[in-house]
Amino acid sequence: MRIQLNPTVSFLSGERNEVRRNLAIGVGAGALAVLSWAAWLVGTRFAVTTHLRPVDVAFVRYLVSAVLLAPVLWRYGFGLRQLGLARTALLVGGAGLPFLLVASSGMKFAAASDAGAVMMGTMPVFVALFSALVSGERFDAMRLIGFGAVLAGIVGIAAHGLFDLQSGAWRGHILFLVAAAMFAIYTVTFRRSGLSPWHGAAIVNAYSLALFAPVYLYLYGSSLASAPVGEMATQGLVQGVLAGIVALFFFGESVRRLGAARAAVLGSFAPVLGALLAMPLLGEYPSRLAWVAIVAVSVGVVLASGGLSVSKSAPVK
C-alpha cells in the first residue's frame, strides 16, 4: 500500500518552516545589531566627553570600516549603477556621515541613556511613518496607542532638561530625534534597494570617508595623535568595527528577513542596554522617571511598529 502526500500540505508546511527560519535569523541578527548599538552609544558618549571631538569620532569610524570593507566595494561596485544617485545619497545620509555627526553632536549635550531612548527608541516609529508614506500602510488602534506611549516616554526622559535651559540637554534631545529620522530613511531605502547587507555597509562607509576625509584633514586637523593609544584602539573597535560594520550588517540582514518595521522595532531594546552599560562605564544613573520612560518608549515602539504581529515576517528576496 503506497501513501501519497498531499502536495498542498507539503508546500504550506515548507512555507511555515521558511517563515520560522526567517524569523529566527532576523531576530538573532537584530539582537546582535542592538548589542552593537548599545556599545556604540556608550563608546561615543565617552569619546566626545574626553579627548575626541565629534569630527574625530566620525573620521575614526569611516577610516577603519572603509578600509576593512574595501574588498566588498571592489567586487560589487559603488552602487550608483544599481541605485542611482538619489537612493545612494539617502543611504549614505541616513546611516553615514551626516547621521553620525548629528548623533555624536547630540551626545555633547545629553547622556547616553537619553540618546538610547530618544534616538534608538523613536527610530522604529519613524520607520513606520515613512513606510506608510511610501507604501500606504495604515495604522490600527494598537499602533496609535504605541505612538502615544512613545511620546509620553520621550517627555519623561527629557523632563529633566526641558525646563533647564542652562544644561543644554534639550539640544541633544532635538539632535537625537533628527538622527532617528535620518536612520529611518536609511532603513526604508535599504529595504527597497535589493542590496546585500555587506554591500550596503561598504557603500555607506566608503562614500562617508570620501566626503569627510578632505574636509576633516584640511579644516579641522587631527587631534588623534594626542589621544591616548588605548582610547584610540577602543574607538577604532567601537566605531569602525561594531558600529560601522557589525551593526550595519546584522541590521541589514534583519531588515531582509523581517521587513523594515519589524526589524527596526528591535532597536527599542537599545535604550535599556545603553542605560545598563552607561551605569558602570560612565557613572550615568537614570532617575526613576527616566526608567519608567525608557520602558514606556520600548513598549510603545513595539506596539507602534506592529512588532507583535510576527505572522507577516517578510521572506528574503
C-alpha atoms as a PDB file:
ATOM      1  CA  MET A   1       0.000   0.000   0.000  1.00  0.00           C
ATOM      2  CA  ARG A   2       1.512   3.360  -1.103  1.00  0.00           C
ATOM      3  CA  ILE A   3       0.762   6.526   0.853  1.00  0.00           C
ATOM      4  CA  GLN A   4       0.632   9.699  -1.231  1.00  0.00           C
ATOM      5  CA  LEU A   5       1.454  13.013   0.348  1.00  0.00           C
ATOM      6  CA  ASN A   6      -0.742  16.000  -0.348  1.00  0.00           C
ATOM      7  CA  PRO A   7       1.488  18.477  -2.252  1.00  0.00           C
ATOM      8  CA  THR A   8      -0.543  21.417  -0.921  1.00  0.00           C
ATOM      9  CA  VAL A   9       0.044  20.392   2.683  1.00  0.00           C
ATOM     10  CA  SER A  10       3.721  19.845   1.964  1.00  0.00           C
ATOM     11  CA  PHE A  11       4.006  23.299   0.362  1.00  0.00           C
ATOM     12  CA  LEU A  12       2.260  25.019   3.273  1.00  0.00           C
ATOM     13  CA  SER A  13       4.460  23.210   5.764  1.00  0.00           C
ATOM     14  CA  GLY A  14       7.563  24.265   3.885  1.00  0.00           C
ATOM     15  CA  GLU A  15       6.337  27.855   3.760  1.00  0.00           C
ATOM     16  CA  ARG A  16       5.734  27.879   7.524  1.00  0.00           C
ATOM     17  CA  ASN A  17       9.212  26.490   8.131  1.00  0.00           C
ATOM     18  CA  GLU A  18      10.682  29.209   5.926  1.00  0.00           C
ATOM     19  CA  VAL A  19       8.785  31.901   7.874  1.00  0.00           C
ATOM     20  CA  ARG A  20      10.056  30.472  11.176  1.00  0.00           C
ATOM     21  CA  ARG A  21      13.588  30.323   9.815  1.00  0.00           C
ATOM     22  CA  ASN A  22      13.469  33.925   8.603  1.00  0.00           C
ATOM     23  CA  LEU A  23      12.005  34.998  11.945  1.00  0.00           C
ATOM     24  CA  ALA A  24      14.711  33.241  13.962  1.00  0.00           C
ATOM     25  CA  ILE A  25      17.568  34.552  11.805  1.00  0.00           C
ATOM     26  CA  GLY A  26      16.062  38.040  11.631  1.00  0.00           C
ATOM     27  CA  VAL A  27      15.558  38.317  15.384  1.00  0.00           C
ATOM     28  CA  GLY A  28      19.032  36.946  16.082  1.00  0.00           C
ATOM     29  CA  ALA A  29      20.634  39.372  13.629  1.00  0.00           C
ATOM     30  CA  GLY A  30      18.619  42.245  15.090  1.00  0.00           C
ATOM     31  CA  ALA A  31      19.701  41.320  18.612  1.00  0.00           C
ATOM     32  CA  LEU A  32      23.371  41.435  17.599  1.00  0.00           C
ATOM     33  CA  ALA A  33      22.804  44.829  15.954  1.00  0.00           C
ATOM     34  CA  VAL A  34      21.174  46.116  19.155  1.00  0.00           C
ATOM     35  CA  LEU A  35      24.139  44.941  21.248  1.00  0.00           C
ATOM     36  CA  SER A  36      26.499  46.746  18.879  1.00  0.00           C
ATOM     37  CA  TRP A  37      24.397  49.919  19.031  1.00  0.00           C
ATOM     38  CA  ALA A  38      24.365  49.851  22.819  1.00  0.00           C
ATOM     39  CA  ALA A  39      28.162  49.614  22.894  1.00  0.00           C
ATOM     40  CA  TRP A  40      28.366  52.399  20.305  1.00  0.00           C
ATOM     41  CA  LEU A  41      26.149  54.700  22.378  1.00  0.00           C
ATOM     42  CA  VAL A  42      28.360  54.325  25.435  1.00  0.00           C
ATOM     43  CA  GLY A  43      31.613  54.485  23.440  1.00  0.00           C
ATOM     44  CA  THR A  44      30.609  57.628  21.553  1.00  0.00           C
ATOM     45  CA  ARG A  45      29.420  59.366  24.710  1.00  0.00           C
ATOM     46  CA  PHE A  46      32.771  58.542  26.347  1.00  0.00           C
ATOM     47  CA  ALA A  47      34.753  59.750  23.325  1.00  0.00           C
ATOM     48  CA  VAL A  48      33.090  63.146  22.904  1.00  0.00           C
ATOM     49  CA  THR A  49      33.343  63.931  26.617  1.00  0.00           C
ATOM     50  CA  THR A  50      37.086  63.161  26.890  1.00  0.00           C
ATOM     51  CA  HIS A  51      39.808  63.789  24.295  1.00  0.00           C
ATOM     52  CA  LEU A  52      37.964  63.403  20.983  1.00  0.00           C
ATOM     53  CA  ARG A  53      35.597  65.724  19.146  1.00  0.00           C
ATOM     54  CA  PRO A  54      32.563  64.506  17.134  1.00  0.00           C
ATOM     55  CA  VAL A  55      34.570  65.064  13.935  1.00  0.00           C
ATOM     56  CA  ASP A  56      37.395  62.873  15.287  1.00  0.00           C
ATOM     57  CA  VAL A  57      34.926  60.109  16.113  1.00  0.00           C
ATOM     58  CA  ALA A  58      33.478  60.285  12.600  1.00  0.00           C
ATOM     59  CA  PHE A  59      36.899  60.071  10.960  1.00  0.00           C
ATOM     60  CA  VAL A  60      37.943  57.050  13.017  1.00  0.00           C
ATOM     61  CA  ARG A  61      34.703  55.252  12.232  1.00  0.00           C
ATOM     62  CA  TYR A  62      34.811  55.651   8.471  1.00  0.00           C
ATOM     63  CA  LEU A  63      38.552  55.209   8.078  1.00  0.00           C
ATOM     64  CA  VAL A  64      38.543  51.826   9.846  1.00  0.00           C
ATOM     65  CA  SER A  65      35.314  50.486   8.345  1.00  0.00           C
ATOM     66  CA  ALA A  66      36.019  51.685   4.783  1.00  0.00           C
ATOM     67  CA  VAL A  67      39.431  50.026   4.768  1.00  0.00           C
ATOM     68  CA  LEU A  68      38.060  46.734   6.106  1.00  0.00           C
ATOM     69  CA  LEU A  69      35.153  46.710   3.614  1.00  0.00           C
ATOM     70  CA  ALA A  70      37.204  47.811   0.571  1.00  0.00           C
ATOM     71  CA  PRO A  71      37.250  44.272  -0.930  1.00  0.00           C
ATOM     72  CA  VAL A  72      33.431  44.179  -0.914  1.00  0.00           C
ATOM     73  CA  LEU A  73      33.229  47.513  -2.719  1.00  0.00           C
ATOM     74  CA  TRP A  74      35.865  46.413  -5.221  1.00  0.00           C
ATOM     75  CA  ARG A  75      33.833  43.322  -6.090  1.00  0.00           C
ATOM     76  CA  TYR A  76      30.290  44.727  -6.190  1.00  0.00           C
ATOM     77  CA  GLY A  77      30.808  48.380  -7.125  1.00  0.00           C
ATOM     78  CA  PHE A  78      29.931  51.765  -5.662  1.00  0.00           C
ATOM     79  CA  GLY A  79      26.152  51.370  -6.004  1.00  0.00           C
ATOM     80  CA  LEU A  80      25.392  54.202  -8.417  1.00  0.00           C
ATOM     81  CA  ARG A  81      24.548  51.817 -11.243  1.00  0.00           C
ATOM     82  CA  GLN A  82      22.252  49.700  -9.050  1.00  0.00           C
ATOM     83  CA  LEU A  83      20.653  52.502  -7.053  1.00  0.00           C
ATOM     84  CA  GLY A  84      21.083  55.802  -8.829  1.00  0.00           C
ATOM     85  CA  LEU A  85      22.355  58.995  -7.246  1.00  0.00           C
ATOM     86  CA  ALA A  86      19.246  59.823  -5.184  1.00  0.00           C
ATOM     87  CA  ARG A  87      18.932  56.494  -3.360  1.00  0.00           C
ATOM     88  CA  THR A  88      22.681  56.271  -2.828  1.00  0.00           C
ATOM     89  CA  ALA A  89      22.551  59.707  -1.200  1.00  0.00           C
ATOM     90  CA  LEU A  90      19.663  58.601   1.042  1.00  0.00           C
ATOM     91  CA  LEU A  91      21.617  55.539   2.204  1.00  0.00           C
ATOM     92  CA  VAL A  92      24.794  57.491   2.908  1.00  0.00           C
ATOM     93  CA  GLY A  93      22.990  60.401   4.534  1.00  0.00           C
ATOM     94  CA  GLY A  94      20.735  58.212   6.656  1.00  0.00           C
ATOM     95  CA  ALA A  95      23.355  55.888   8.139  1.00  0.00           C
ATOM     96  CA  GLY A  96      26.632  57.513   7.160  1.00  0.00           C
ATOM     97  CA  LEU A  97      28.471  60.722   7.859  1.00  0.00           C
ATOM     98  CA  PRO A  98      25.529  63.141   8.352  1.00  0.00           C
ATOM     99  CA  PHE A  99      23.829  60.727  10.757  1.00  0.00           C
ATOM    100  CA  LEU A 100      26.947  60.197  12.840  1.00  0.00           C
ATOM    101  CA  LEU A 101      27.746  63.901  13.105  1.00  0.00           C
ATOM    102  CA  VAL A 102      24.206  64.711  14.237  1.00  0.00           C
ATOM    103  CA  ALA A 103      24.080  61.845  16.754  1.00  0.00           C
ATOM    104  CA  SER A 104      27.548  62.406  18.227  1.00  0.00           C
ATOM    105  CA  SER A 105      26.915  66.160  18.463  1.00  0.00           C
ATOM    106  CA  GLY A 106      23.782  65.398  20.467  1.00  0.00           C
ATOM    107  CA  MET A 107      25.859  63.406  22.922  1.00  0.00           C
ATOM    108  CA  LYS A 108      27.843  66.541  23.721  1.00  0.00           C
ATOM    109  CA  PHE A 109      24.707  67.860  25.439  1.00  0.00           C
ATOM    110  CA  ALA A 110      22.824  64.810  26.736  1.00  0.00           C
ATOM    111  CA  ALA A 111      23.586  61.495  28.432  1.00  0.00           C
ATOM    112  CA  ALA A 112      23.981  58.127  26.706  1.00  0.00           C
ATOM    113  CA  SER A 113      20.747  56.881  28.300  1.00  0.00           C
ATOM    114  CA  ASP A 114      18.934  59.823  26.698  1.00  0.00           C
ATOM    115  CA  ALA A 115      20.495  59.018  23.322  1.00  0.00           C
ATOM    116  CA  GLY A 116      19.397  55.405  23.567  1.00  0.00           C
ATOM    117  CA  ALA A 117      15.808  56.199  24.469  1.00  0.00           C
ATOM    118  CA  VAL A 118      15.171  59.245  22.297  1.00  0.00           C
ATOM    119  CA  MET A 119      17.188  58.245  19.213  1.00  0.00           C
ATOM    120  CA  MET A 120      17.082  54.451  19.083  1.00  0.00           C
ATOM    121  CA  GLY A 121      13.698  54.322  20.800  1.00  0.00           C
ATOM    122  CA  THR A 122      11.905  56.542  18.306  1.00  0.00           C
ATOM    123  CA  MET A 123      13.647  55.312  15.156  1.00  0.00           C
ATOM    124  CA  PRO A 124      11.141  52.430  14.658  1.00  0.00           C
ATOM    125  CA  VAL A 125       8.272  54.900  14.845  1.00  0.00           C
ATOM    126  CA  PHE A 126       9.833  56.992  12.094  1.00  0.00           C
ATOM    127  CA  VAL A 127      10.309  53.800  10.065  1.00  0.00           C
ATOM    128  CA  ALA A 128       6.623  53.005  10.409  1.00  0.00           C
ATOM    129  CA  LEU A 129       5.651  56.546   9.411  1.00  0.00           C
ATOM    130  CA  PHE A 130       7.948  56.596   6.371  1.00  0.00           C
ATOM    131  CA  SER A 131       6.747  53.117   5.374  1.00  0.00           C
ATOM    132  CA  ALA A 132       3.211  54.486   5.471  1.00  0.00           C
ATOM    133  CA  LEU A 133       4.164  57.375   3.216  1.00  0.00           C
ATOM    134  CA  VAL A 134       5.995  55.136   0.744  1.00  0.00           C
ATOM    135  CA  SER A 135       3.779  52.032   0.823  1.00  0.00           C
ATOM    136  CA  GLY A 136       0.449  53.448   2.006  1.00  0.00           C
ATOM    137  CA  GLU A 137       0.496  51.423   5.236  1.00  0.00           C
ATOM    138  CA  ARG A 138      -2.340  52.233   7.670  1.00  0.00           C
ATOM    139  CA  PHE A 139      -2.188  52.244  11.467  1.00  0.00           C
ATOM    140  CA  ASP A 140      -4.599  50.308  13.640  1.00  0.00           C
ATOM    141  CA  ALA A 141      -5.634  51.255  17.181  1.00  0.00           C
ATOM    142  CA  MET A 142      -2.764  49.286  18.750  1.00  0.00           C
ATOM    143  CA  ARG A 143      -0.187  51.224  16.774  1.00  0.00           C
ATOM    144  CA  LEU A 144      -1.775  54.549  17.686  1.00  0.00           C
ATOM    145  CA  ILE A 145      -1.552  53.543  21.354  1.00  0.00           C
ATOM    146  CA  GLY A 146       2.099  52.767  20.769  1.00  0.00           C
ATOM    147  CA  PHE A 147       2.731  56.215  19.321  1.00  0.00           C
ATOM    148  CA  GLY A 148       1.176  57.744  22.409  1.00  0.00           C
ATOM    149  CA  ALA A 149       3.365  55.635  24.702  1.00  0.00           C
ATOM    150  CA  VAL A 150       6.482  56.678  22.814  1.00  0.00           C
ATOM    151  CA  LEU A 151       5.611  60.367  23.002  1.00  0.00           C
ATOM    152  CA  ALA A 152       4.893  60.066  26.727  1.00  0.00           C
ATOM    153  CA  GLY A 153       8.194  58.269  27.247  1.00  0.00           C
ATOM    154  CA  ILE A 154      10.161  60.927  25.380  1.00  0.00           C
ATOM    155  CA  VAL A 155       8.605  63.633  27.541  1.00  0.00           C
ATOM    156  CA  GLY A 156       9.550  61.638  30.648  1.00  0.00           C
ATOM    157  CA  ILE A 157      13.137  61.162  29.508  1.00  0.00           C
ATOM    158  CA  ALA A 158      13.560  64.790  28.515  1.00  0.00           C
ATOM    159  CA  ALA A 159      11.760  66.167  31.590  1.00  0.00           C
ATOM    160  CA  HIS A 160      14.997  66.851  33.458  1.00  0.00           C
ATOM    161  CA  GLY A 161      16.198  69.096  30.643  1.00  0.00           C
ATOM    162  CA  LEU A 162      13.041  70.619  29.216  1.00  0.00           C
ATOM    163  CA  PHE A 163      12.962  73.494  31.680  1.00  0.00           C
ATOM    164  CA  ASP A 164      16.680  73.632  32.426  1.00  0.00           C
ATOM    165  CA  LEU A 165      17.919  75.910  29.672  1.00  0.00           C
ATOM    166  CA  GLN A 166      21.390  76.163  31.217  1.00  0.00           C
ATOM    167  CA  SER A 167      22.207  72.449  30.974  1.00  0.00           C
ATOM    168  CA  GLY A 168      21.659  72.286  27.202  1.00  0.00           C
ATOM    169  CA  ALA A 169      20.253  68.737  27.341  1.00  0.00           C
ATOM    170  CA  TRP A 170      17.258  69.802  25.263  1.00  0.00           C
ATOM    171  CA  ARG A 171      19.596  70.481  22.339  1.00  0.00           C
ATOM    172  CA  GLY A 172      20.837  66.914  22.497  1.00  0.00           C
ATOM    173  CA  HIS A 173      17.267  65.581  22.513  1.00  0.00           C
ATOM    174  CA  ILE A 174      16.398  67.517  19.362  1.00  0.00           C
ATOM    175  CA  LEU A 175      19.504  66.239  17.611  1.00  0.00           C
ATOM    176  CA  PHE A 176      18.643  62.667  18.648  1.00  0.00           C
ATOM    177  CA  LEU A 177      15.193  62.987  17.073  1.00  0.00           C
ATOM    178  CA  VAL A 178      16.746  64.260  13.852  1.00  0.00           C
ATOM    179  CA  ALA A 179      19.225  61.363  13.866  1.00  0.00           C
ATOM    180  CA  ALA A 180      16.393  58.871  14.429  1.00  0.00           C
ATOM    181  CA  ALA A 181      14.525  60.192  11.396  1.00  0.00           C
ATOM    182  CA  MET A 182      17.704  60.009   9.309  1.00  0.00           C
ATOM    183  CA  PHE A 183      18.377  56.367  10.180  1.00  0.00           C
ATOM    184  CA  ALA A 184      14.741  55.531   9.480  1.00  0.00           C
ATOM    185  CA  ILE A 185      15.185  56.916   5.955  1.00  0.00           C
ATOM    186  CA  TYR A 186      18.193  54.617   5.553  1.00  0.00           C
ATOM    187  CA  THR A 187      16.183  51.627   6.788  1.00  0.00           C
ATOM    188  CA  VAL A 188      13.287  52.126   4.370  1.00  0.00           C
ATOM    189  CA  THR A 189      15.637  52.880   1.466  1.00  0.00           C
ATOM    190  CA  PHE A 190      17.808  49.821   2.146  1.00  0.00           C
ATOM    191  CA  ARG A 191      14.735  47.575   2.294  1.00  0.00           C
ATOM    192  CA  ARG A 192      13.757  48.665  -1.212  1.00  0.00           C
ATOM    193  CA  SER A 193      17.301  48.690  -2.633  1.00  0.00           C
ATOM    194  CA  GLY A 194      17.912  44.957  -3.071  1.00  0.00           C
ATOM    195  CA  LEU A 195      21.483  45.301  -1.790  1.00  0.00           C
ATOM    196  CA  SER A 196      23.158  42.709   0.390  1.00  0.00           C
ATOM    197  CA  PRO A 197      23.995  43.796   3.963  1.00  0.00           C
ATOM    198  CA  TRP A 198      27.732  43.701   3.214  1.00  0.00           C
ATOM    199  CA  HIS A 199      27.365  45.806   0.076  1.00  0.00           C
ATOM    200  CA  GLY A 200      25.120  48.328   1.812  1.00  0.00           C
ATOM    201  CA  ALA A 201      27.591  48.767   4.669  1.00  0.00           C
ATOM    202  CA  ALA A 202      30.511  49.123   2.243  1.00  0.00           C
ATOM    203  CA  ILE A 203      28.727  51.839   0.242  1.00  0.00           C
ATOM    204  CA  VAL A 204      27.779  53.855   3.329  1.00  0.00           C
ATOM    205  CA  ASN A 205      31.266  53.789   4.808  1.00  0.00           C
ATOM    206  CA  ALA A 206      33.210  54.389   1.583  1.00  0.00           C
ATOM    207  CA  TYR A 207      31.231  57.426   0.487  1.00  0.00           C
ATOM    208  CA  SER A 208      31.265  58.835   4.006  1.00  0.00           C
ATOM    209  CA  LEU A 209      35.051  58.609   4.173  1.00  0.00           C
ATOM    210  CA  ALA A 210      35.473  60.078   0.683  1.00  0.00           C
ATOM    211  CA  LEU A 211      33.256  63.048   1.563  1.00  0.00           C
ATOM    212  CA  PHE A 212      34.653  63.680   5.008  1.00  0.00           C
ATOM    213  CA  ALA A 213      38.403  62.978   4.889  1.00  0.00           C
ATOM    214  CA  PRO A 214      39.410  66.062   2.822  1.00  0.00           C
ATOM    215  CA  VAL A 215      37.253  68.404   4.898  1.00  0.00           C
ATOM    216  CA  TYR A 216      38.399  66.900   8.183  1.00  0.00           C
ATOM    217  CA  LEU A 217      42.110  66.997   7.392  1.00  0.00           C
ATOM    218  CA  TYR A 218      42.044  70.484   5.855  1.00  0.00           C
ATOM    219  CA  LEU A 219      39.660  72.381   8.154  1.00  0.00           C
ATOM    220  CA  TYR A 220      39.867  70.604  11.474  1.00  0.00           C
ATOM    221  CA  GLY A 221      43.252  68.976  11.551  1.00  0.00           C
ATOM    222  CA  SER A 222      43.627  65.859  13.627  1.00  0.00           C
ATOM    223  CA  SER A 223      43.728  65.598  17.390  1.00  0.00           C
ATOM    224  CA  LEU A 224      44.070  61.829  17.110  1.00  0.00           C
ATOM    225  CA  ALA A 225      47.828  61.921  17.634  1.00  0.00           C
ATOM    226  CA  SER A 226      47.385  63.458  21.090  1.00  0.00           C
ATOM    227  CA  ALA A 227      44.715  60.961  22.190  1.00  0.00           C
ATOM    228  CA  PRO A 228      45.782  58.022  24.395  1.00  0.00           C
ATOM    229  CA  VAL A 229      46.585  54.839  22.469  1.00  0.00           C
ATOM    230  CA  GLY A 230      44.098  52.793  24.480  1.00  0.00           C
ATOM    231  CA  GLU A 231      41.319  55.272  23.768  1.00  0.00           C
ATOM    232  CA  MET A 232      42.108  55.227  20.055  1.00  0.00           C
ATOM    233  CA  ALA A 233      42.087  51.430  19.941  1.00  0.00           C
ATOM    234  CA  THR A 234      38.766  51.350  21.762  1.00  0.00           C
ATOM    235  CA  GLN A 235      37.198  53.868  19.390  1.00  0.00           C
ATOM    236  CA  GLY A 236      38.551  52.005  16.362  1.00  0.00           C
ATOM    237  CA  LEU A 237      36.819  48.870  17.602  1.00  0.00           C
ATOM    238  CA  VAL A 238      33.588  50.526  18.718  1.00  0.00           C
ATOM    239  CA  GLN A 239      33.197  52.958  15.816  1.00  0.00           C
ATOM    240  CA  GLY A 240      34.866  51.223  12.899  1.00  0.00           C
ATOM    241  CA  VAL A 241      34.058  47.584  13.596  1.00  0.00           C
ATOM    242  CA  LEU A 242      30.974  47.416  15.820  1.00  0.00           C
ATOM    243  CA  ALA A 243      29.024  50.434  14.528  1.00  0.00           C
ATOM    244  CA  GLY A 244      30.428  50.738  11.024  1.00  0.00           C
ATOM    245  CA  ILE A 245      30.395  47.052  10.057  1.00  0.00           C
ATOM    246  CA  VAL A 246      28.814  44.673  12.580  1.00  0.00           C
ATOM    247  CA  ALA A 247      25.724  46.747  13.405  1.00  0.00           C
ATOM    248  CA  LEU A 248      25.007  47.728   9.796  1.00  0.00           C
ATOM    249  CA  PHE A 249      25.489  44.180   8.523  1.00  0.00           C
ATOM    250  CA  PHE A 250      23.278  42.474  11.089  1.00  0.00           C
ATOM    251  CA  PHE A 251      20.645  45.197  10.935  1.00  0.00           C
ATOM    252  CA  GLY A 252      20.583  44.893   7.144  1.00  0.00           C
ATOM    253  CA  GLU A 253      20.179  41.129   7.442  1.00  0.00           C
ATOM    254  CA  SER A 254      17.345  41.629   9.917  1.00  0.00           C
ATOM    255  CA  VAL A 255      15.627  44.025   7.500  1.00  0.00           C
ATOM    256  CA  ARG A 256      15.903  41.445   4.708  1.00  0.00           C
ATOM    257  CA  ARG A 257      14.422  38.712   6.881  1.00  0.00           C
ATOM    258  CA  LEU A 258      11.706  40.592   8.764  1.00  0.00           C
ATOM    259  CA  GLY A 259      10.948  43.739   6.793  1.00  0.00           C
ATOM    260  CA  ALA A 260      11.775  47.332   7.713  1.00  0.00           C
ATOM    261  CA  ALA A 261       9.268  47.966  10.514  1.00  0.00           C
ATOM    262  CA  ARG A 262       9.716  44.671  12.335  1.00  0.00           C
ATOM    263  CA  ALA A 263      13.487  44.819  12.120  1.00  0.00           C
ATOM    264  CA  ALA A 264      13.546  48.398  13.343  1.00  0.00           C
ATOM    265  CA  VAL A 265      11.371  47.552  16.331  1.00  0.00           C
ATOM    266  CA  LEU A 266      14.218  45.500  17.782  1.00  0.00           C
ATOM    267  CA  GLY A 267      16.049  48.786  18.244  1.00  0.00           C
ATOM    268  CA  SER A 268      13.604  49.601  21.030  1.00  0.00           C
ATOM    269  CA  PHE A 269      15.704  47.443  23.333  1.00  0.00           C
ATOM    270  CA  ALA A 270      18.864  49.512  22.727  1.00  0.00           C
ATOM    271  CA  PRO A 271      17.776  52.157  25.272  1.00  0.00           C
ATOM    272  CA  VAL A 272      17.627  49.573  28.048  1.00  0.00           C
ATOM    273  CA  LEU A 273      21.014  48.069  27.163  1.00  0.00           C
ATOM    274  CA  GLY A 274      22.560  51.510  26.695  1.00  0.00           C
ATOM    275  CA  ALA A 275      21.320  52.642  30.114  1.00  0.00           C
ATOM    276  CA  LEU A 276      22.602  49.457  31.764  1.00  0.00           C
ATOM    277  CA  LEU A 277      26.051  49.829  30.177  1.00  0.00           C
ATOM    278  CA  ALA A 278      26.235  53.550  30.963  1.00  0.00           C
ATOM    279  CA  MET A 279      25.849  52.936  34.700  1.00  0.00           C
ATOM    280  CA  PRO A 280      29.088  51.004  35.353  1.00  0.00           C
ATOM    281  CA  LEU A 281      31.108  52.500  32.467  1.00  0.00           C
ATOM    282  CA  LEU A 282      30.109  56.176  32.578  1.00  0.00           C
ATOM    283  CA  GLY A 283      28.571  56.559  36.022  1.00  0.00           C
ATOM    284  CA  GLU A 284      25.305  57.804  34.484  1.00  0.00           C
ATOM    285  CA  TYR A 285      22.312  56.600  36.511  1.00  0.00           C
ATOM    286  CA  PRO A 286      18.815  57.322  35.142  1.00  0.00           C
ATOM    287  CA  SER A 287      16.229  58.739  37.524  1.00  0.00           C
ATOM    288  CA  ARG A 288      13.123  56.768  38.453  1.00  0.00           C
ATOM    289  CA  LEU A 289      11.101  58.786  35.981  1.00  0.00           C
ATOM    290  CA  ALA A 290      13.683  58.114  33.280  1.00  0.00           C
ATOM    291  CA  TRP A 291      13.499  54.354  33.939  1.00  0.00           C
ATOM    292  CA  VAL A 292       9.716  54.418  33.608  1.00  0.00           C
ATOM    293  CA  ALA A 293      10.054  56.483  30.445  1.00  0.00           C
ATOM    294  CA  ILE A 294      12.612  54.073  28.947  1.00  0.00           C
ATOM    295  CA  VAL A 295      10.223  51.187  29.480  1.00  0.00           C
ATOM    296  CA  ALA A 296       7.354  53.234  28.009  1.00  0.00           C
ATOM    297  CA  VAL A 297       9.383  54.016  24.886  1.00  0.00           C
ATOM    298  CA  SER A 298      10.419  50.383  24.463  1.00  0.00           C
ATOM    299  CA  VAL A 299       6.870  49.076  24.825  1.00  0.00           C
ATOM    300  CA  GLY A 300       5.478  51.898  22.715  1.00  0.00           C
ATOM    301  CA  VAL A 301       7.690  51.251  19.713  1.00  0.00           C
ATOM    302  CA  VAL A 302       6.792  47.565  19.776  1.00  0.00           C
ATOM    303  CA  LEU A 303       3.120  48.469  19.540  1.00  0.00           C
ATOM    304  CA  ALA A 304       3.585  51.365  17.119  1.00  0.00           C
ATOM    305  CA  SER A 305       5.644  49.334  14.656  1.00  0.00           C
ATOM    306  CA  GLY A 306       3.366  46.308  14.751  1.00  0.00           C
ATOM    307  CA  GLY A 307       6.101  44.223  16.282  1.00  0.00           C
ATOM    308  CA  LEU A 308       3.648  41.845  17.973  1.00  0.00           C
ATOM    309  CA  SER A 309       2.395  40.521  14.626  1.00  0.00           C
ATOM    310  CA  VAL A 310       5.031  38.028  13.540  1.00  0.00           C
ATOM    311  CA  SER A 311       2.876  36.126  11.085  1.00  0.00           C
ATOM    312  CA  LYS A 312       3.776  38.557   8.317  1.00  0.00           C
ATOM    313  CA  SER A 313       7.514  38.277   8.608  1.00  0.00           C
ATOM    314  CA  ALA A 314       8.958  39.177   5.262  1.00  0.00           C
ATOM    315  CA  PRO A 315      10.773  36.424   3.377  1.00  0.00           C
ATOM    316  CA  VAL A 316      14.162  37.017   1.901  1.00  0.00           C
ATOM    317  CA  LYS A 317      14.059  38.293  -1.632  1.00  0.00           C
END
